[in-house]
């Protein structure tokens, strides 16, 4: 239903509710068929009903997720060296330099 048509029919249905006329009498005055009135009223009811399958979500708190970083593994021949992932690049460079001598 077009927005203007939607507004127009909302007003018509509201007018009929406020009037003391039956739907048939009201439709006769407006020169519309009662079946059209009922159809439009049904469409408006469907359009204005909340969708029960939709749940509005809102953020209540922010949580930082920390992804664990695996440790650094150095292997030289039969020797395995495990260092924490926070080990500085400068220390690693110095260590590798010393091991290669």
C-alpha atoms as a PDB file:
ATOM      1  CA  UNK A   1       0.000   0.000   0.000  1.00  0.00           C
ATOM      2  CA  UNK A   2       1.356   3.418  -0.968  1.00  0.00           C
ATOM      3  CA  UNK A   3       2.159   5.806   1.915  1.00  0.00           C
ATOM      4  CA  UNK A   4      -0.544   8.310   0.889  1.00  0.00           C
ATOM      5  CA  UNK A   5      -3.106   5.541   0.457  1.00  0.00           C
ATOM      6  CA  UNK A   6      -2.032   4.080   3.799  1.00  0.00           C
ATOM      7  CA  UNK A   7      -2.576   7.425   5.567  1.00  0.00           C
ATOM      8  CA  UNK A   8      -5.882   7.971   3.773  1.00  0.00           C
ATOM      9  CA  UNK A   9      -7.245   4.580   4.840  1.00  0.00           C
ATOM     10  CA  UNK A  10      -5.986   4.975   8.400  1.00  0.00           C
ATOM     11  CA  UNK A  11      -8.015   8.192   8.573  1.00  0.00           C
ATOM     12  CA  UNK A  12     -11.101   6.553   7.024  1.00  0.00           C
ATOM     13  CA  UNK A  13     -11.014   3.619   9.451  1.00  0.00           C
ATOM     14  CA  UNK A  14     -10.517   5.998  12.391  1.00  0.00           C
ATOM     15  CA  UNK A  15     -13.449   8.147  11.220  1.00  0.00           C
ATOM     16  CA  UNK A  16     -15.701   5.115  11.008  1.00  0.00           C
ATOM     17  CA  UNK A  17     -14.719   4.022  14.527  1.00  0.00           C
ATOM     18  CA  UNK A  18     -15.592   7.459  15.904  1.00  0.00           C
ATOM     19  CA  UNK A  19     -18.870   7.688  14.027  1.00  0.00           C
ATOM     20  CA  UNK A  20     -22.145   6.232  15.252  1.00  0.00           C
ATOM     21  CA  UNK A  21     -22.788   4.757  11.805  1.00  0.00           C
ATOM     22  CA  UNK A  22     -22.540   1.127  10.830  1.00  0.00           C
ATOM     23  CA  UNK A  23     -19.833   0.256   8.359  1.00  0.00           C
ATOM     24  CA  UNK A  24     -22.436  -0.094   5.617  1.00  0.00           C
ATOM     25  CA  UNK A  25     -23.950   3.338   6.376  1.00  0.00           C
ATOM     26  CA  UNK A  26     -20.496   4.925   6.623  1.00  0.00           C
ATOM     27  CA  UNK A  27     -19.398   3.393   3.301  1.00  0.00           C
ATOM     28  CA  UNK A  28     -22.576   4.559   1.603  1.00  0.00           C
ATOM     29  CA  UNK A  29     -21.882   8.136   2.738  1.00  0.00           C
ATOM     30  CA  UNK A  30     -18.312   7.982   1.388  1.00  0.00           C
ATOM     31  CA  UNK A  31     -19.387   6.132  -1.745  1.00  0.00           C
ATOM     32  CA  UNK A  32     -17.029   3.210  -1.179  1.00  0.00           C
ATOM     33  CA  UNK A  33     -17.951  -0.438  -1.126  1.00  0.00           C
ATOM     34  CA  UNK A  34     -18.055  -2.178   2.254  1.00  0.00           C
ATOM     35  CA  UNK A  35     -15.908  -5.020   0.858  1.00  0.00           C
ATOM     36  CA  UNK A  36     -13.185  -2.487  -0.033  1.00  0.00           C
ATOM     37  CA  UNK A  37     -13.450  -0.991   3.449  1.00  0.00           C
ATOM     38  CA  UNK A  38     -13.089  -4.405   5.100  1.00  0.00           C
ATOM     39  CA  UNK A  39     -10.191  -5.344   2.819  1.00  0.00           C
ATOM     40  CA  UNK A  40      -8.294  -2.120   3.544  1.00  0.00           C
ATOM     41  CA  UNK A  41      -9.010  -2.416   7.269  1.00  0.00           C
ATOM     42  CA  UNK A  42      -7.619  -5.984   7.233  1.00  0.00           C
ATOM     43  CA  UNK A  43      -4.491  -4.819   5.352  1.00  0.00           C
ATOM     44  CA  UNK A  44      -3.919  -2.039   7.884  1.00  0.00           C
ATOM     45  CA  UNK A  45      -4.288  -4.502  10.753  1.00  0.00           C
ATOM     46  CA  UNK A  46      -1.671  -6.776   9.197  1.00  0.00           C
ATOM     47  CA  UNK A  47       0.685  -3.846   8.522  1.00  0.00           C
ATOM     48  CA  UNK A  48       0.428  -2.472  12.050  1.00  0.00           C
ATOM     49  CA  UNK A  49       0.784  -5.782  13.899  1.00  0.00           C
ATOM     50  CA  UNK A  50       4.202  -6.236  15.428  1.00  0.00           C
ATOM     51  CA  UNK A  51       6.236  -9.050  13.928  1.00  0.00           C
ATOM     52  CA  UNK A  52       6.360 -11.595  16.732  1.00  0.00           C
ATOM     53  CA  UNK A  53       9.394 -13.321  15.216  1.00  0.00           C
ATOM     54  CA  UNK A  54      11.538 -10.190  15.534  1.00  0.00           C
ATOM     55  CA  UNK A  55      13.168  -9.314  18.835  1.00  0.00           C
ATOM     56  CA  UNK A  56      14.747  -5.905  19.134  1.00  0.00           C
ATOM     57  CA  UNK A  57      18.227  -6.208  20.605  1.00  0.00           C
ATOM     58  CA  UNK A  58      20.235  -3.532  22.306  1.00  0.00           C
ATOM     59  CA  UNK A  59      23.794  -3.386  23.582  1.00  0.00           C
ATOM     60  CA  UNK A  60      23.905  -3.340  27.376  1.00  0.00           C
ATOM     61  CA  UNK A  61      27.651  -3.658  27.851  1.00  0.00           C
ATOM     62  CA  UNK A  62      30.810  -3.870  25.817  1.00  0.00           C
ATOM     63  CA  UNK A  63      33.142  -6.789  26.398  1.00  0.00           C
ATOM     64  CA  UNK A  64      36.668  -7.058  25.046  1.00  0.00           C
ATOM     65  CA  UNK A  65      37.494 -10.525  23.843  1.00  0.00           C
ATOM     66  CA  UNK A  66      41.129 -11.467  24.193  1.00  0.00           C
ATOM     67  CA  UNK A  67      42.330 -14.029  21.696  1.00  0.00           C
ATOM     68  CA  UNK A  68      45.199 -16.071  23.118  1.00  0.00           C
ATOM     69  CA  UNK A  69      48.382 -15.767  21.059  1.00  0.00           C
ATOM     70  CA  UNK A  70      50.422 -18.974  20.892  1.00  0.00           C
ATOM     71  CA  UNK A  71      53.977 -18.906  22.242  1.00  0.00           C
ATOM     72  CA  UNK A  72      56.974 -18.466  19.937  1.00  0.00           C
ATOM     73  CA  UNK A  73      58.681 -21.764  19.057  1.00  0.00           C
ATOM     74  CA  UNK A  74      62.343 -21.762  17.979  1.00  0.00           C
ATOM     75  CA  UNK A  75      63.924 -25.002  16.813  1.00  0.00           C
ATOM     76  CA  UNK A  76      67.639 -25.394  16.168  1.00  0.00           C
ATOM     77  CA  UNK A  77      68.621 -28.985  15.416  1.00  0.00           C
ATOM     78  CA  UNK A  78      67.372 -31.125  18.308  1.00  0.00           C
ATOM     79  CA  UNK A  79      66.809 -28.102  20.571  1.00  0.00           C
ATOM     80  CA  UNK A  80      63.354 -26.553  20.973  1.00  0.00           C
ATOM     81  CA  UNK A  81      63.019 -23.191  22.665  1.00  0.00           C
ATOM     82  CA  UNK A  82      59.604 -21.839  23.676  1.00  0.00           C
ATOM     83  CA  UNK A  83      59.249 -18.133  24.440  1.00  0.00           C
ATOM     84  CA  UNK A  84      56.170 -16.161  25.503  1.00  0.00           C
ATOM     85  CA  UNK A  85      54.297 -14.437  22.692  1.00  0.00           C
ATOM     86  CA  UNK A  86      55.002 -11.058  24.335  1.00  0.00           C
ATOM     87  CA  UNK A  87      58.775 -11.476  23.833  1.00  0.00           C
ATOM     88  CA  UNK A  88      60.160  -8.305  22.269  1.00  0.00           C
ATOM     89  CA  UNK A  89      61.393  -8.389  18.663  1.00  0.00           C
ATOM     90  CA  UNK A  90      64.718  -6.846  19.764  1.00  0.00           C
ATOM     91  CA  UNK A  91      65.319  -9.700  22.221  1.00  0.00           C
ATOM     92  CA  UNK A  92      64.435 -12.292  19.573  1.00  0.00           C
ATOM     93  CA  UNK A  93      66.811 -10.687  17.065  1.00  0.00           C
ATOM     94  CA  UNK A  94      69.653 -10.618  19.630  1.00  0.00           C
ATOM     95  CA  UNK A  95      68.976 -14.253  20.616  1.00  0.00           C
ATOM     96  CA  UNK A  96      68.925 -15.485  17.028  1.00  0.00           C
ATOM     97  CA  UNK A  97      72.084 -13.503  16.291  1.00  0.00           C
ATOM     98  CA  UNK A  98      73.886 -15.098  19.270  1.00  0.00           C
ATOM     99  CA  UNK A  99      72.636 -18.612  18.376  1.00  0.00           C
ATOM    100  CA  UNK A 100      73.872 -18.327  14.814  1.00  0.00           C
ATOM    101  CA  UNK A 101      77.476 -17.545  15.867  1.00  0.00           C
END
